PDB file of N, CA and C in Angstrom:
ATOM      1  N   MET A   1     108.409 115.251  99.598  1.00  0.00           N
ATOM      2  CA  MET A   1     107.818 114.276  98.831  1.00  0.00           C
ATOM      3  C   MET A   1     106.343 114.547  98.361  1.00  0.00           C
ATOM      4  N   ALA A   2     106.465 114.572  96.902  1.00  0.00           N
ATOM      5  CA  ALA A   2     104.641 114.906  96.867  1.00  0.00           C
ATOM      6  C   ALA A   2     104.022 113.419  96.867  1.00  0.00           C
ATOM      7  N   SER A   3     102.199 113.857  96.684  1.00  0.00           N
ATOM      8  CA  SER A   3     101.972 112.764  96.731  1.00  0.00           C
ATOM      9  C   SER A   3     101.591 112.080  95.119  1.00  0.00           C
ATOM     10  N   SER A   4     101.462 110.856  95.360  1.00  0.00           N
ATOM     11  CA  SER A   4     101.409 109.964  93.604  1.00  0.00           C
ATOM     12  C   SER A   4      99.495 110.425  93.241  1.00  0.00           C
ATOM     13  N   LYS A   5      99.051 110.479  92.004  1.00  0.00           N
ATOM     14  CA  LYS A   5      97.972 110.518  91.314  1.00  0.00           C
ATOM     15  C   LYS A   5      97.374 108.831  91.768  1.00  0.00           C
ATOM     16  N   GLU A   6      98.348 107.774  92.023  1.00  0.00           N
ATOM     17  CA  GLU A   6      97.772 106.366  91.985  1.00  0.00           C
ATOM     18  C   GLU A   6      97.240 106.601  93.803  1.00  0.00           C
ATOM     19  N   TYR A   7      97.980 106.758  94.554  1.00  0.00           N
ATOM     20  CA  TYR A   7      97.148 107.065  96.046  1.00  0.00           C
ATOM     21  C   TYR A   7      96.042 108.028  95.970  1.00  0.00           C
ATOM     22  N   LEU A   8      96.008 108.930  95.381  1.00  0.00           N
ATOM     23  CA  LEU A   8      94.733 110.120  95.014  1.00  0.00           C
ATOM     24  C   LEU A   8      93.550 109.093  94.697  1.00  0.00           C
ATOM     25  N   GLY A   9      93.788 108.156  93.551  1.00  0.00           N
ATOM     26  CA  GLY A   9      92.849 107.394  93.150  1.00  0.00           C
ATOM     27  C   GLY A   9      92.489 106.320  94.174  1.00  0.00           C
ATOM     28  N   PHE A  10      93.270 105.871  94.947  1.00  0.00           N
ATOM     29  CA  PHE A  10      92.380 104.971  95.562  1.00  0.00           C
ATOM     30  C   PHE A  10      92.031 104.983  96.814  1.00  0.00           C
ATOM     31  N   ILE A  11      92.133 106.677  97.056  1.00  0.00           N
ATOM     32  CA  ILE A  11      91.315 107.362  98.529  1.00  0.00           C
ATOM     33  C   ILE A  11      89.941 107.607  97.711  1.00  0.00           C
ATOM     34  N   LEU A  12      89.927 108.360  96.609  1.00  0.00           N
ATOM     35  CA  LEU A  12      88.864 108.470  95.780  1.00  0.00           C
ATOM     36  C   LEU A  12      88.067 107.344  95.634  1.00  0.00           C
ATOM     37  N   GLU A  13      88.488 106.421  95.847  1.00  0.00           N
ATOM     38  CA  GLU A  13      87.671 105.033  95.372  1.00  0.00           C
ATOM     39  C   GLU A  13      87.195 104.448  96.719  1.00  0.00           C
ATOM     40  N   GLN A  14      87.739 104.299  97.622  1.00  0.00           N
ATOM     41  CA  GLN A  14      87.615 104.258  99.377  1.00  0.00           C
ATOM     42  C   GLN A  14      86.134 105.543  99.021  1.00  0.00           C
ATOM     43  N   LEU A  15      86.146 106.263  98.677  1.00  0.00           N
ATOM     44  CA  LEU A  15      85.309 107.180  99.446  1.00  0.00           C
ATOM     45  C   LEU A  15      84.060 107.460  98.096  1.00  0.00           C
ATOM     46  N   SER A  16      84.165 106.856  97.422  1.00  0.00           N
ATOM     47  CA  SER A  16      82.990 106.679  96.317  1.00  0.00           C
ATOM     48  C   SER A  16      81.735 106.351  96.673  1.00  0.00           C
ATOM     49  N   ASN A  17      81.414 105.744  97.338  1.00  0.00           N
ATOM     50  CA  ASN A  17      80.109 105.983  98.856  1.00  0.00           C
ATOM     51  C   ASN A  17      79.308 107.069  98.648  1.00  0.00           C
ATOM     52  N   LEU A  18      80.202 108.119  98.698  1.00  0.00           N
ATOM     53  CA  LEU A  18      79.898 109.253  99.299  1.00  0.00           C
ATOM     54  C   LEU A  18      79.399 110.510  98.259  1.00  0.00           C
ATOM     55  N   GLU A  19      78.593 111.449  97.740  1.00  0.00           N
ATOM     56  CA  GLU A  19      78.447 111.904  96.729  1.00  0.00           C
ATOM     57  C   GLU A  19      79.231 113.093  96.861  1.00  0.00           C
ATOM     58  N   GLU A  20      79.642 114.155  96.018  1.00  0.00           N
ATOM     59  CA  GLU A  20      80.219 115.353  96.118  1.00  0.00           C
ATOM     60  C   GLU A  20      81.647 115.347  96.654  1.00  0.00           C
ATOM     61  N   ILE A  21      82.281 114.378  96.207  1.00  0.00           N
ATOM     62  CA  ILE A  21      83.867 114.263  97.024  1.00  0.00           C
ATOM     63  C   ILE A  21      84.852 115.007  95.780  1.00  0.00           C
ATOM     64  N   THR A  22      85.619 116.136  96.132  1.00  0.00           N
ATOM     65  CA  THR A  22      86.381 116.816  94.973  1.00  0.00           C
ATOM     66  C   THR A  22      87.481 116.736  95.440  1.00  0.00           C
ATOM     67  N   TYR A  23      88.480 117.296  94.488  1.00  0.00           N
ATOM     68  CA  TYR A  23      89.773 117.817  95.331  1.00  0.00           C
ATOM     69  C   TYR A  23      90.111 118.810  94.247  1.00  0.00           C
ATOM     70  N   ARG A  24      91.331 119.455  94.871  1.00  0.00           N
ATOM     71  CA  ARG A  24      92.296 120.421  94.440  1.00  0.00           C
ATOM     72  C   ARG A  24      93.255 120.268  94.402  1.00  0.00           C
ATOM     73  N   ALA A  25      94.723 119.807  93.452  1.00  0.00           N
ATOM     74  CA  ALA A  25      95.615 119.862  93.192  1.00  0.00           C
ATOM     75  C   ALA A  25      96.257 120.998  94.074  1.00  0.00           C
ATOM     76  N   MET A  26      97.369 121.095  95.023  1.00  0.00           N
ATOM     77  CA  MET A  26      98.181 122.156  95.630  1.00  0.00           C
ATOM     78  C   MET A  26      99.891 121.704  95.733  1.00  0.00           C
ATOM     79  N   MET A  27     100.421 122.440  95.022  1.00  0.00           N
ATOM     80  CA  MET A  27     101.636 122.085  95.392  1.00  0.00           C
ATOM     81  C   MET A  27     102.373 120.362  95.549  1.00  0.00           C
ATOM     82  N   GLY A  28     101.700 119.472  94.908  1.00  0.00           N
ATOM     83  CA  GLY A  28     102.410 118.444  94.900  1.00  0.00           C
ATOM     84  C   GLY A  28     101.294 117.417  95.554  1.00  0.00           C
ATOM     85  N   GLU A  29     100.309 118.272  96.393  1.00  0.00           N
ATOM     86  CA  GLU A  29      99.723 117.445  97.392  1.00  0.00           C
ATOM     87  C   GLU A  29      98.097 117.502  97.149  1.00  0.00           C
ATOM     88  N   PHE A  30      96.993 116.902  97.567  1.00  0.00           N
ATOM     89  CA  PHE A  30      95.619 117.310  97.085  1.00  0.00           C
ATOM     90  C   PHE A  30      94.818 117.529  98.322  1.00  0.00           C
ATOM     91  N   ILE A  31      94.169 118.555  98.185  1.00  0.00           N
ATOM     92  CA  ILE A  31      93.301 119.084  99.147  1.00  0.00           C
ATOM     93  C   ILE A  31      91.926 118.345  98.777  1.00  0.00           C
ATOM     94  N   LEU A  32      91.113 117.768  99.855  1.00  0.00           N
ATOM     95  CA  LEU A  32      89.674 117.082  99.613  1.00  0.00           C
ATOM     96  C   LEU A  32      88.645 117.771 100.155  1.00  0.00           C
ATOM     97  N   TYR A  33      87.814 117.556  99.435  1.00  0.00           N
ATOM     98  CA  TYR A  33      86.715 118.200  99.746  1.00  0.00           C
ATOM     99  C   TYR A  33      85.225 117.362 100.165  1.00  0.00           C
ATOM    100  N   TYR A  34      84.139 117.594 100.385  1.00  0.00           N
ATOM    101  CA  TYR A  34      83.443 116.632 100.684  1.00  0.00           C
ATOM    102  C   TYR A  34      81.830 117.812 101.068  1.00  0.00           C
ATOM    103  N   ARG A  35      81.064 118.174  99.284  1.00  0.00           N
ATOM    104  CA  ARG A  35      79.869 118.557  99.885  1.00  0.00           C
ATOM    105  C   ARG A  35      80.453 120.153  99.911  1.00  0.00           C
ATOM    106  N   GLY A  36      81.574 120.183  99.263  1.00  0.00           N
ATOM    107  CA  GLY A  36      82.474 121.778  99.669  1.00  0.00           C
ATOM    108  C   GLY A  36      83.051 122.081 100.499  1.00  0.00           C
ATOM    109  N   ARG A  37      83.088 121.282 101.110  1.00  0.00           N
ATOM    110  CA  ARG A  37      83.723 121.712 102.365  1.00  0.00           C
ATOM    111  C   ARG A  37      85.049 120.721 102.788  1.00  0.00           C
ATOM    112  N   ILE A  38      86.459 121.440 102.896  1.00  0.00           N
ATOM    113  CA  ILE A  38      87.768 120.597 103.351  1.00  0.00           C
ATOM    114  C   ILE A  38      87.360 119.834 104.584  1.00  0.00           C
ATOM    115  N   PHE A  39      87.370 118.493 104.065  1.00  0.00           N
ATOM    116  CA  PHE A  39      87.706 118.159 105.367  1.00  0.00           C
ATOM    117  C   PHE A  39      89.306 117.320 105.541  1.00  0.00           C
ATOM    118  N   GLY A  40      89.929 117.087 104.672  1.00  0.00           N
ATOM    119  CA  GLY A  40      91.330 116.770 104.879  1.00  0.00           C
ATOM    120  C   GLY A  40      92.317 116.680 103.519  1.00  0.00           C
ATOM    121  N   GLY A  41      93.199 116.063 103.709  1.00  0.00           N
ATOM    122  CA  GLY A  41      94.018 116.063 102.368  1.00  0.00           C
ATOM    123  C   GLY A  41      94.835 115.170 102.328  1.00  0.00           C
ATOM    124  N   ILE A  42      95.583 114.775 101.035  1.00  0.00           N
ATOM    125  CA  ILE A  42      96.351 114.064 101.009  1.00  0.00           C
ATOM    126  C   ILE A  42      97.908 114.625 100.875  1.00  0.00           C
ATOM    127  N   TYR A  43      98.792 114.071 102.003  1.00  0.00           N
ATOM    128  CA  TYR A  43     100.222 114.570 101.874  1.00  0.00           C
ATOM    129  C   TYR A  43     101.377 113.708 101.876  1.00  0.00           C
ATOM    130  N   ASP A  44     102.063 113.507 101.339  1.00  0.00           N
ATOM    131  CA  ASP A  44     103.141 112.681 101.583  1.00  0.00           C
ATOM    132  C   ASP A  44     102.563 111.115 101.291  1.00  0.00           C
ATOM    133  N   ASP A  45     101.530 110.749 100.576  1.00  0.00           N
ATOM    134  CA  ASP A  45     100.735 109.536 100.710  1.00  0.00           C
ATOM    135  C   ASP A  45     100.178 109.216 101.718  1.00  0.00           C
ATOM    136  N   ARG A  46      99.580 109.977 102.827  1.00  0.00           N
ATOM    137  CA  ARG A  46      99.053 110.027 103.888  1.00  0.00           C
ATOM    138  C   ARG A  46      97.844 110.548 103.451  1.00  0.00           C
ATOM    139  N   LEU A  47      96.446 110.065 104.064  1.00  0.00           N
ATOM    140  CA  LEU A  47      95.233 111.057 104.300  1.00  0.00           C
ATOM    141  C   LEU A  47      95.260 111.349 105.483  1.00  0.00           C
ATOM    142  N   LEU A  48      95.158 112.575 105.634  1.00  0.00           N
ATOM    143  CA  LEU A  48      94.976 113.525 106.893  1.00  0.00           C
ATOM    144  C   LEU A  48      93.810 114.125 106.687  1.00  0.00           C
ATOM    145  N   LEU A  49      93.287 114.330 108.165  1.00  0.00           N
ATOM    146  CA  LEU A  49      91.807 114.539 108.567  1.00  0.00           C
ATOM    147  C   LEU A  49      91.582 115.928 109.407  1.00  0.00           C
ATOM    148  N   LYS A  50      91.131 116.790 109.311  1.00  0.00           N
ATOM    149  CA  LYS A  50      90.833 117.917 109.997  1.00  0.00           C
ATOM    150  C   LYS A  50      90.697 117.775 111.490  1.00  0.00           C
ATOM    151  N   PRO A  51      90.927 117.862 112.485  1.00  0.00           N
ATOM    152  CA  PRO A  51      91.029 117.491 113.682  1.00  0.00           C
ATOM    153  C   PRO A  51      90.088 118.045 114.663  1.00  0.00           C
ATOM    154  N   VAL A  52      88.565 117.657 113.754  1.00  0.00           N
ATOM    155  CA  VAL A  52      87.565 118.068 114.522  1.00  0.00           C
ATOM    156  C   VAL A  52      87.172 116.937 115.646  1.00  0.00           C
ATOM    157  N   ARG A  53      86.055 117.442 116.617  1.00  0.00           N
ATOM    158  CA  ARG A  53      85.886 116.503 117.577  1.00  0.00           C
ATOM    159  C   ARG A  53      85.454 115.172 117.019  1.00  0.00           C
ATOM    160  N   SER A  54      84.404 115.013 116.041  1.00  0.00           N
ATOM    161  CA  SER A  54      83.680 113.914 115.876  1.00  0.00           C
ATOM    162  C   SER A  54      84.429 112.813 114.847  1.00  0.00           C
ATOM    163  N   ALA A  55      85.892 113.539 114.461  1.00  0.00           N
ATOM    164  CA  ALA A  55      86.553 112.491 114.175  1.00  0.00           C
ATOM    165  C   ALA A  55      87.524 112.078 114.937  1.00  0.00           C
ATOM    166  N   ILE A  56      88.065 112.410 115.986  1.00  0.00           N
ATOM    167  CA  ILE A  56      89.091 112.597 117.294  1.00  0.00           C
ATOM    168  C   ILE A  56      88.275 111.391 118.008  1.00  0.00           C
ATOM    169  N   GLU A  57      87.014 111.413 118.528  1.00  0.00           N
ATOM    170  CA  GLU A  57      85.793 110.365 118.712  1.00  0.00           C
ATOM    171  C   GLU A  57      85.427 109.350 118.326  1.00  0.00           C
ATOM    172  N   ASN A  58      85.947 109.207 116.752  1.00  0.00           N
ATOM    173  CA  ASN A  58      85.935 108.081 116.104  1.00  0.00           C
ATOM    174  C   ASN A  58      86.765 107.267 115.726  1.00  0.00           C
ATOM    175  N   LEU A  59      88.026 107.604 115.550  1.00  0.00           N
ATOM    176  CA  LEU A  59      89.299 107.313 114.948  1.00  0.00           C
ATOM    177  C   LEU A  59      89.733 106.091 116.280  1.00  0.00           C
ATOM    178  N   ALA A  60      90.409 104.758 115.861  1.00  0.00           N
ATOM    179  CA  ALA A  60      90.476 103.816 116.623  1.00  0.00           C
ATOM    180  C   ALA A  60      91.763 104.360 117.376  1.00  0.00           C
ATOM    181  N   ASP A  61      92.588 105.201 116.247  1.00  0.00           N
ATOM    182  CA  ASP A  61      93.944 105.179 116.849  1.00  0.00           C
ATOM    183  C   ASP A  61      94.109 106.677 116.666  1.00  0.00           C
ATOM    184  N   VAL A  62      93.911 107.783 117.659  1.00  0.00           N
ATOM    185  CA  VAL A  62      94.523 108.996 117.291  1.00  0.00           C
ATOM    186  C   VAL A  62      95.810 109.113 117.140  1.00  0.00           C
ATOM    187  N   LYS A  63      96.153 109.912 115.896  1.00  0.00           N
ATOM    188  CA  LYS A  63      97.573 110.383 115.875  1.00  0.00           C
ATOM    189  C   LYS A  63      97.511 111.801 114.939  1.00  0.00           C
ATOM    190  N   TYR A  64      98.562 112.586 115.758  1.00  0.00           N
ATOM    191  CA  TYR A  64      98.547 113.994 115.001  1.00  0.00           C
ATOM    192  C   TYR A  64      99.570 113.816 114.316  1.00  0.00           C
ATOM    193  N   GLU A  65      99.585 114.283 112.873  1.00  0.00           N
ATOM    194  CA  GLU A  65     100.864 114.763 111.950  1.00  0.00           C
ATOM    195  C   GLU A  65     101.029 116.071 111.456  1.00  0.00           C
ATOM    196  N   LEU A  66     101.911 116.326 110.870  1.00  0.00           N
ATOM    197  CA  LEU A  66     102.126 117.762 110.106  1.00  0.00           C
ATOM    198  C   LEU A  66     102.018 117.371 108.321  1.00  0.00           C
ATOM    199  N   PRO A  67     101.184 118.087 108.380  1.00  0.00           N
ATOM    200  CA  PRO A  67     100.601 117.980 106.256  1.00  0.00           C
ATOM    201  C   PRO A  67     102.151 118.364 105.780  1.00  0.00           C
ATOM    202  N   TYR A  68     102.826 119.472 106.266  1.00  0.00           N
ATOM    203  CA  TYR A  68     103.927 120.138 105.925  1.00  0.00           C
ATOM    204  C   TYR A  68     104.799 120.690 106.949  1.00  0.00           C
ATOM    205  N   GLU A  69     105.738 121.408 106.684  1.00  0.00           N
ATOM    206  CA  GLU A  69     106.702 122.144 108.056  1.00  0.00           C
ATOM    207  C   GLU A  69     105.815 123.687 107.761  1.00  0.00           C
ATOM    208  N   GLY A  70     105.492 123.644 109.312  1.00  0.00           N
ATOM    209  CA  GLY A  70     104.898 124.678 109.845  1.00  0.00           C
ATOM    210  C   GLY A  70     103.156 124.925 109.403  1.00  0.00           C
ATOM    211  N   ALA A  71     102.908 123.997 109.082  1.00  0.00           N
ATOM    212  CA  ALA A  71     101.338 123.873 109.330  1.00  0.00           C
ATOM    213  C   ALA A  71     100.866 123.363 110.671  1.00  0.00           C
ATOM    214  N   LYS A  72      99.258 123.239 110.530  1.00  0.00           N
ATOM    215  CA  LYS A  72      98.545 122.673 111.873  1.00  0.00           C
ATOM    216  C   LYS A  72      98.648 121.395 111.845  1.00  0.00           C
ATOM    217  N   GLU A  73      98.903 120.956 112.465  1.00  0.00           N
ATOM    218  CA  GLU A  73      98.457 119.395 112.843  1.00  0.00           C
ATOM    219  C   GLU A  73      97.614 118.615 112.661  1.00  0.00           C
ATOM    220  N   MET A  74      97.177 117.600 112.079  1.00  0.00           N
ATOM    221  CA  MET A  74      96.064 116.940 111.396  1.00  0.00           C
ATOM    222  C   MET A  74      95.881 115.575 111.768  1.00  0.00           C
ATOM    223  N   LEU A  75      94.866 115.267 111.707  1.00  0.00           N
ATOM    224  CA  LEU A  75      94.864 113.616 112.122  1.00  0.00           C
ATOM    225  C   LEU A  75      95.062 112.847 111.030  1.00  0.00           C
ATOM    226  N   LEU A  76      95.797 111.701 111.396  1.00  0.00           N
ATOM    227  CA  LEU A  76      96.196 110.830 110.389  1.00  0.00           C
ATOM    228  C   LEU A  76      94.947 109.319 110.432  1.00  0.00           C
ATOM    229  N   ALA A  77      94.618 109.521 109.029  1.00  0.00           N
ATOM    230  CA  ALA A  77      93.204 108.608 108.904  1.00  0.00           C
ATOM    231  C   ALA A  77      93.876 107.049 108.879  1.00  0.00           C
ATOM    232  N   ASP A  78      93.653 106.496 110.271  1.00  0.00           N
ATOM    233  CA  ASP A  78      94.064 105.201 110.806  1.00  0.00           C
ATOM    234  C   ASP A  78      93.741 103.831 109.869  1.00  0.00           C
ATOM    235  N   ASN A  79      92.734 104.238 109.052  1.00  0.00           N
ATOM    236  CA  ASN A  79      91.873 102.742 108.542  1.00  0.00           C
ATOM    237  C   ASN A  79      91.904 102.772 107.094  1.00  0.00           C
ATOM    238  N   VAL A  80      92.332 102.937 106.308  1.00  0.00           N
ATOM    239  CA  VAL A  80      92.216 103.695 104.931  1.00  0.00           C
ATOM    240  C   VAL A  80      91.400 102.396 103.673  1.00  0.00           C
ATOM    241  N   ASP A  81      92.203 101.426 104.295  1.00  0.00           N
ATOM    242  CA  ASP A  81      91.275  99.823 103.961  1.00  0.00           C
ATOM    243  C   ASP A  81      90.196  99.614 103.610  1.00  0.00           C
ATOM    244  N   ASP A  82      89.511 100.309 104.949  1.00  0.00           N
ATOM    245  CA  ASP A  82      88.159  99.877 105.413  1.00  0.00           C
ATOM    246  C   ASP A  82      87.218 101.121 104.624  1.00  0.00           C
ATOM    247  N   LYS A  83      86.627 100.517 103.554  1.00  0.00           N
ATOM    248  CA  LYS A  83      85.768 101.907 102.789  1.00  0.00           C
ATOM    249  C   LYS A  83      84.808 102.314 103.431  1.00  0.00           C
ATOM    250  N   GLU A  84      83.785 101.342 104.224  1.00  0.00           N
ATOM    251  CA  GLU A  84      82.780 101.892 104.777  1.00  0.00           C
ATOM    252  C   GLU A  84      83.040 102.854 106.137  1.00  0.00           C
ATOM    253  N   TYR A  85      84.083 102.170 106.879  1.00  0.00           N
ATOM    254  CA  TYR A  85      84.381 103.398 108.124  1.00  0.00           C
ATOM    255  C   TYR A  85      84.833 104.409 107.484  1.00  0.00           C
ATOM    256  N   LEU A  86      85.671 104.306 106.199  1.00  0.00           N
ATOM    257  CA  LEU A  86      86.285 106.086 105.927  1.00  0.00           C
ATOM    258  C   LEU A  86      85.076 106.397 105.198  1.00  0.00           C
ATOM    259  N   CYS A  87      84.195 106.397 104.830  1.00  0.00           N
ATOM    260  CA  CYS A  87      82.729 107.323 104.334  1.00  0.00           C
ATOM    261  C   CYS A  87      82.350 107.683 105.397  1.00  0.00           C
ATOM    262  N   SER A  88      81.858 106.525 106.790  1.00  0.00           N
ATOM    263  CA  SER A  88      81.167 107.307 107.600  1.00  0.00           C
ATOM    264  C   SER A  88      81.841 108.357 108.456  1.00  0.00           C
ATOM    265  N   LEU A  89      82.917 108.043 108.648  1.00  0.00           N
ATOM    266  CA  LEU A  89      84.094 108.906 109.228  1.00  0.00           C
ATOM    267  C   LEU A  89      83.642 110.417 108.878  1.00  0.00           C
ATOM    268  N   VAL A  90      83.879 110.470 107.381  1.00  0.00           N
ATOM    269  CA  VAL A  90      83.960 111.944 106.385  1.00  0.00           C
ATOM    270  C   VAL A  90      82.516 112.400 106.338  1.00  0.00           C
ATOM    271  N   ARG A  91      81.435 111.358 106.794  1.00  0.00           N
ATOM    272  CA  ARG A  91      80.255 111.734 106.478  1.00  0.00           C
ATOM    273  C   ARG A  91      79.867 112.415 108.200  1.00  0.00           C
ATOM    274  N   ILE A  92      80.089 111.271 109.434  1.00  0.00           N
ATOM    275  CA  ILE A  92      80.084 112.430 110.312  1.00  0.00           C
ATOM    276  C   ILE A  92      80.612 113.672 110.850  1.00  0.00           C
ATOM    277  N   MET A  93      81.879 113.951 110.043  1.00  0.00           N
ATOM    278  CA  MET A  93      82.897 115.017 110.228  1.00  0.00           C
ATOM    279  C   MET A  93      82.113 116.311 109.778  1.00  0.00           C
ATOM    280  N   TYR A  94      81.252 116.445 108.534  1.00  0.00           N
ATOM    281  CA  TYR A  94      80.554 117.520 108.074  1.00  0.00           C
ATOM    282  C   TYR A  94      80.103 118.688 108.515  1.00  0.00           C
ATOM    283  N   ASP A  95      79.269 118.275 109.625  1.00  0.00           N
ATOM    284  CA  ASP A  95      78.597 119.316 110.051  1.00  0.00           C
ATOM    285  C   ASP A  95      79.468 120.165 110.899  1.00  0.00           C
ATOM    286  N   GLU A  96      80.599 119.819 111.729  1.00  0.00           N
ATOM    287  CA  GLU A  96      81.557 120.571 112.420  1.00  0.00           C
ATOM    288  C   GLU A  96      82.681 121.234 111.610  1.00  0.00           C
ATOM    289  N   LEU A  97      82.777 120.914 110.149  1.00  0.00           N
ATOM    290  CA  LEU A  97      83.204 121.352 108.918  1.00  0.00           C
ATOM    291  C   LEU A  97      83.128 122.915 108.757  1.00  0.00           C
ATOM    292  N   PRO A  98      84.029 123.718 108.627  1.00  0.00           N
ATOM    293  CA  PRO A  98      83.933 125.064 108.314  1.00  0.00           C
ATOM    294  C   PRO A  98      83.283 125.388 106.914  1.00  0.00           C
ATOM    295  N   ALA A  99      82.114 126.304 106.704  1.00  0.00           N
ATOM    296  CA  ALA A  99      81.659 126.227 105.671  1.00  0.00           C
ATOM    297  C   ALA A  99      82.518 127.391 104.735  1.00  0.00           C
ATOM    298  N   PRO A 100      82.712 127.205 103.176  1.00  0.00           N
ATOM    299  CA  PRO A 100      83.576 127.719 102.517  1.00  0.00           C
ATOM    300  C   PRO A 100      83.578 129.036 102.525  1.00  0.00           C
ATOM    301  N   LYS A 101      84.798 129.688 102.344  1.00  0.00           N
ATOM    302  CA  LYS A 101      84.489 131.470 102.600  1.00  0.00           C
ATOM    303  C   LYS A 101      83.984 131.802 101.355  1.00  0.00           C
ATOM    304  N   SER A 102      83.573 132.894 101.180  1.00  0.00           N
ATOM    305  CA  SER A 102      83.009 133.432 100.349  1.00  0.00           C
ATOM    306  C   SER A 102      83.674 134.237  99.456  1.00  0.00           C
ATOM    307  N   LYS A 103      84.125 134.228  98.155  1.00  0.00           N
ATOM    308  CA  LYS A 103      85.045 134.912  97.430  1.00  0.00           C
ATOM    309  C   LYS A 103      84.733 135.962  96.649  1.00  0.00           C
ATOM    310  N   LYS A 104      85.756 137.123  97.435  1.00  0.00           N
ATOM    311  CA  LYS A 104      85.380 138.476  97.019  1.00  0.00           C
ATOM    312  C   LYS A 104      85.617 138.833  95.900  1.00  0.00           C
ATOM    313  N   LYS A 105      85.023 139.877  95.612  1.00  0.00           N
ATOM    314  CA  LYS A 105      84.964 140.419  93.944  1.00  0.00           C
ATOM    315  C   LYS A 105      86.000 141.479  93.897  1.00  0.00           C
TER     316      LYS A 105
END
């Protein structure tokens, strides 16, 4: 099942207090970036986050889910309705997120 543009719009609105949130569509799903670093994605209308230490420590209810078959487990964002909580969670994850790989020429 692909994710809907409506759910993407909802999540982007919830993250609107953060600067430099971007996304890229990929095979019916959406990869999410904060200041150029991938922090998670939208898969089957679920917000899944990279399982970095700061996210695990700050989620109220840690649940691991697969974005798609054969992928590594990610964290299910537990409270997408709380805009301030969601923005602070993404903000604290930033330093642990891998820097983008340089593109080969």
